[in-house]
Amino acid sequence: MIYGYARISSRSQEDGNGLEVQRRKLVEAGAERVFEDVFTGTTMDRPAWDDLNAHLACGDTLVVAKLDRIARTSSGGFEAVKGLLSRGVSVRILNMGLVDDTPTGKLILNIMFAFAEFERNMIVERMAEGKEVARQRDGYREGRPRAEIDEELFASLREKVESKELTVKEAASALGVSESTWRRRCADAAA
C-alpha cells in the first residue's frame, strides 16, 4: 500500500505548502491514504506520524512532499527513515526521489536532513532577531494584538453582569470574546 504523510508546524502555514497542497501532491503520486499532522518537526512524537508508523508494513511505500515534512532534525529524521527502510518500507520524497539504504543514499539523506535542521535554526534565529528589533519600537507589545470590541456594548453587558442579569460566559459570548478576554477587559476598566 502507498501511504502519504503531510505535516505543517502551525495553521498559519496553510499558504503555499499547507496540508491541502501536500495532500493533493501525495494523492497525485499514488497515495491511497494520507496522514496529516499540525505539529512541530523537531520531535518525532506526533499523533498522525505515530498512527502512520503503526500501519506501515514490509512492502508498503511512504510518500512525502519534501524531506523536512518528516523531520526538522538531522538525527530524528535519519533514524526515522533508517527505521522504515530496515522494516522493508520504501520511502519516496517527491522532490528527491526514492531513498535507498546504500552508503550513498545514507550520505545524501544525512546531508539533506542537516540542511533541513539548519534551515529551521535560521528561521528561529531570524524570528528572534525580528522580535528584538520590534522590542525597540515604542508601543511594542508581545503576543497577539488586543481584540477590538464595541466599547458601548461592553459597558452595557458589564452592567448586566454586575446586576446578575447575565453570566460572564453569556456576556463574553455576546461580545464575541473569550471569558479570559472579558475578565481582562473588566480588570482594565476597573483600574
Protein backbone atom coordinates (compact mmCIF):
# COMPACT_ATOMS: atom_id res chain seq x y z
CA MET A 1 0.00 0.00 0.00
CA ILE A 2 1.13 3.57 -0.66
CA TYR A 3 0.75 5.92 2.30
CA GLY A 4 1.26 9.66 2.31
CA TYR A 5 2.37 11.90 5.15
CA ALA A 6 1.81 15.65 5.31
CA ARG A 7 2.87 17.98 8.10
CA ILE A 8 2.83 21.65 8.93
CA SER A 9 4.05 23.21 12.17
CA SER A 10 1.07 25.51 12.64
CA ARG A 11 -2.19 26.52 10.97
CA SER A 12 -0.54 29.78 9.90
CA GLN A 13 1.45 27.73 7.36
CA GLU A 14 -1.64 26.95 5.29
CA ASP A 15 -0.32 29.11 2.44
CA GLY A 16 1.97 27.65 -0.24
CA ASN A 17 2.97 24.40 1.41
CA GLY A 18 -0.13 23.78 3.52
CA LEU A 19 -1.79 20.46 4.18
CA GLU A 20 -4.18 20.81 1.25
CA VAL A 21 -1.31 21.38 -1.23
CA GLN A 22 0.70 18.49 0.23
CA ARG A 23 -2.34 16.19 0.26
CA ARG A 24 -3.03 16.92 -3.42
CA LYS A 25 0.58 16.18 -4.39
CA LEU A 26 0.60 12.95 -2.38
CA VAL A 27 -2.65 11.69 -3.90
CA GLU A 28 -1.36 12.57 -7.38
CA ALA A 29 1.75 10.50 -6.54
CA GLY A 30 -0.46 7.48 -5.77
CA ALA A 31 -1.03 7.73 -2.00
CA GLU A 32 -4.10 5.71 -1.09
CA ARG A 33 -4.26 7.09 2.45
CA VAL A 34 -2.74 10.33 3.75
CA PHE A 35 -1.88 11.00 7.39
CA GLU A 36 -1.65 14.67 8.44
CA ASP A 37 -0.09 16.42 11.42
CA VAL A 38 -0.17 20.03 12.57
CA PHE A 39 2.86 19.63 14.78
CA THR A 40 6.47 20.73 15.05
CA GLY A 41 9.02 18.77 13.07
CA THR A 42 11.56 18.97 15.88
CA THR A 43 10.03 15.98 17.66
CA MET A 44 9.20 12.58 16.25
CA ASP A 45 6.42 12.01 18.79
CA ARG A 46 3.45 13.21 16.72
CA PRO A 47 -0.09 11.75 16.68
CA ALA A 48 -0.52 11.13 12.94
CA TRP A 49 3.13 10.10 12.49
CA ASP A 50 2.74 7.52 15.26
CA ASP A 51 -0.53 6.27 13.73
CA LEU A 52 1.10 6.03 10.29
CA ASN A 53 4.02 4.03 11.69
CA ALA A 54 1.57 1.56 13.23
CA HIS A 55 0.08 0.98 9.74
CA LEU A 56 3.28 0.74 7.69
CA ALA A 57 4.38 -2.80 6.91
CA CYS A 58 7.03 -4.50 4.79
CA GLY A 59 6.37 -3.79 1.11
CA ASP A 60 4.48 -0.53 1.76
CA THR A 61 5.65 2.82 0.43
CA LEU A 62 5.68 6.11 2.31
CA VAL A 63 5.44 9.24 0.16
CA VAL A 64 6.12 12.77 1.46
CA ALA A 65 6.22 16.03 -0.48
CA LYS A 66 9.52 17.20 0.99
CA LEU A 67 12.08 15.65 3.32
CA ASP A 68 11.57 18.30 6.03
CA ARG A 69 7.95 17.18 6.36
CA ILE A 70 9.30 14.02 8.06
CA ALA A 71 11.54 15.90 10.50
CA ARG A 72 13.41 19.13 11.13
CA THR A 73 16.30 17.48 12.98
CA SER A 74 19.01 15.51 11.25
CA SER A 75 19.22 12.83 13.93
CA GLY A 76 15.46 12.30 14.31
CA GLY A 77 14.78 12.30 10.59
CA PHE A 78 17.67 10.00 9.72
CA GLU A 79 16.71 7.49 12.44
CA ALA A 80 13.05 7.56 11.33
CA VAL A 81 13.86 6.88 7.68
CA LYS A 82 16.52 4.30 8.57
CA GLY A 83 13.95 2.52 10.76
CA LEU A 84 11.41 2.47 7.93
CA LEU A 85 13.93 1.13 5.43
CA SER A 86 15.02 -1.61 7.85
CA ARG A 87 11.35 -2.69 8.13
CA GLY A 88 11.13 -3.03 4.33
CA VAL A 89 9.16 0.19 3.81
CA SER A 90 10.12 2.21 0.73
CA VAL A 91 10.45 5.97 1.26
CA ARG A 92 9.80 8.35 -1.62
CA ILE A 93 10.40 12.08 -1.29
CA LEU A 94 8.62 13.86 -4.15
CA ASN A 95 11.32 16.50 -4.65
CA MET A 96 14.21 14.00 -4.23
CA GLY A 97 13.11 10.58 -5.40
CA LEU A 98 13.31 7.15 -3.81
CA VAL A 99 15.53 6.92 -0.73
CA ASP A 100 17.68 3.82 -0.62
CA ASP A 101 19.70 2.06 2.07
CA THR A 102 23.03 2.30 0.23
CA PRO A 103 26.04 4.20 1.62
CA THR A 104 25.41 6.97 -0.94
CA GLY A 105 21.71 7.08 -0.09
CA LYS A 106 22.51 7.39 3.62
CA LEU A 107 25.01 10.18 2.92
CA ILE A 108 22.51 12.15 0.85
CA LEU A 109 19.82 11.60 3.48
CA ASN A 110 22.11 12.83 6.27
CA ILE A 111 23.12 15.91 4.28
CA MET A 112 19.54 16.79 3.37
CA PHE A 113 18.28 16.38 6.96
CA ALA A 114 21.22 18.51 8.16
CA PHE A 115 20.12 21.22 5.70
CA ALA A 116 16.51 20.96 6.95
CA GLU A 117 17.70 21.37 10.55
CA PHE A 118 19.97 24.28 9.55
CA GLU A 119 17.08 25.98 7.73
CA ARG A 120 14.84 25.64 10.79
CA ASN A 121 17.57 27.03 13.06
CA MET A 122 17.99 30.01 10.74
CA ILE A 123 14.24 30.67 10.82
CA VAL A 124 14.27 30.62 14.64
CA GLU A 125 17.27 32.95 14.68
CA ARG A 126 15.64 35.42 12.25
CA MET A 127 12.44 35.40 14.30
CA ALA A 128 14.40 36.17 17.49
CA GLU A 129 16.25 39.00 15.73
CA GLY A 130 12.95 40.39 14.41
CA LYS A 131 11.42 40.34 17.89
CA GLU A 132 14.47 42.11 19.30
CA VAL A 133 14.13 44.87 16.69
CA ALA A 134 10.39 45.12 17.39
CA ARG A 135 11.02 45.45 21.15
CA GLN A 136 12.94 48.66 20.46
CA ARG A 137 9.82 50.33 19.00
CA ASP A 138 7.54 52.45 21.12
CA GLY A 139 4.29 50.70 21.93
CA TYR A 140 5.65 47.19 21.28
CA ARG A 141 3.57 44.51 22.93
CA GLU A 142 4.46 40.81 22.96
CA GLY A 143 1.77 38.45 21.69
CA ARG A 144 -1.38 38.94 19.71
CA PRO A 145 -2.89 42.38 19.21
CA ARG A 146 -5.59 43.37 21.66
CA ALA A 147 -9.06 42.29 20.48
CA GLU A 148 -11.17 45.11 19.06
CA ILE A 149 -14.53 45.33 20.83
CA ASP A 150 -17.60 47.55 20.77
CA GLU A 151 -16.98 49.67 23.88
CA GLU A 152 -20.65 50.68 24.26
CA LEU A 153 -21.81 47.07 24.08
CA PHE A 154 -19.07 46.11 26.56
CA ALA A 155 -20.24 48.75 29.04
CA SER A 156 -23.86 47.63 28.69
CA LEU A 157 -23.01 43.94 29.11
CA ARG A 158 -20.75 44.70 32.07
CA GLU A 159 -23.63 46.42 33.87
CA LYS A 160 -25.82 43.38 33.23
CA VAL A 161 -23.15 41.05 34.64
CA GLU A 162 -22.76 43.25 37.73
CA SER A 163 -26.53 43.23 38.27
CA LYS A 164 -26.59 39.43 37.76
CA GLU A 165 -28.80 39.65 34.65
CA LEU A 166 -26.09 37.83 32.66
CA THR A 167 -23.29 35.42 33.47
CA VAL A 168 -19.71 36.19 32.45
CA LYS A 169 -19.95 33.40 29.91
CA GLU A 170 -23.10 34.88 28.34
CA ALA A 171 -21.65 38.40 28.26
CA ALA A 172 -18.35 37.26 26.74
CA SER A 173 -20.22 35.28 24.10
CA ALA A 174 -22.45 38.27 23.27
CA LEU A 175 -19.33 40.44 22.87
CA GLY A 176 -17.60 37.77 20.78
CA VAL A 177 -14.60 37.28 23.07
CA SER A 178 -13.33 34.56 25.39
CA GLU A 179 -14.11 34.63 29.10
CA SER A 180 -10.45 35.37 29.87
CA THR A 181 -10.52 38.38 27.49
CA TRP A 182 -13.75 39.52 29.14
CA ARG A 183 -12.20 39.31 32.62
CA ARG A 184 -9.04 41.11 31.44
CA ARG A 185 -11.12 43.93 29.94
CA CYS A 186 -13.16 44.22 33.15
CA ALA A 187 -9.95 44.44 35.19
CA ASP A 188 -8.57 47.10 32.83
CA ALA A 189 -11.82 49.10 33.07
CA ALA A 190 -11.75 48.94 36.87
CA ALA A 191 -8.13 50.15 37.05
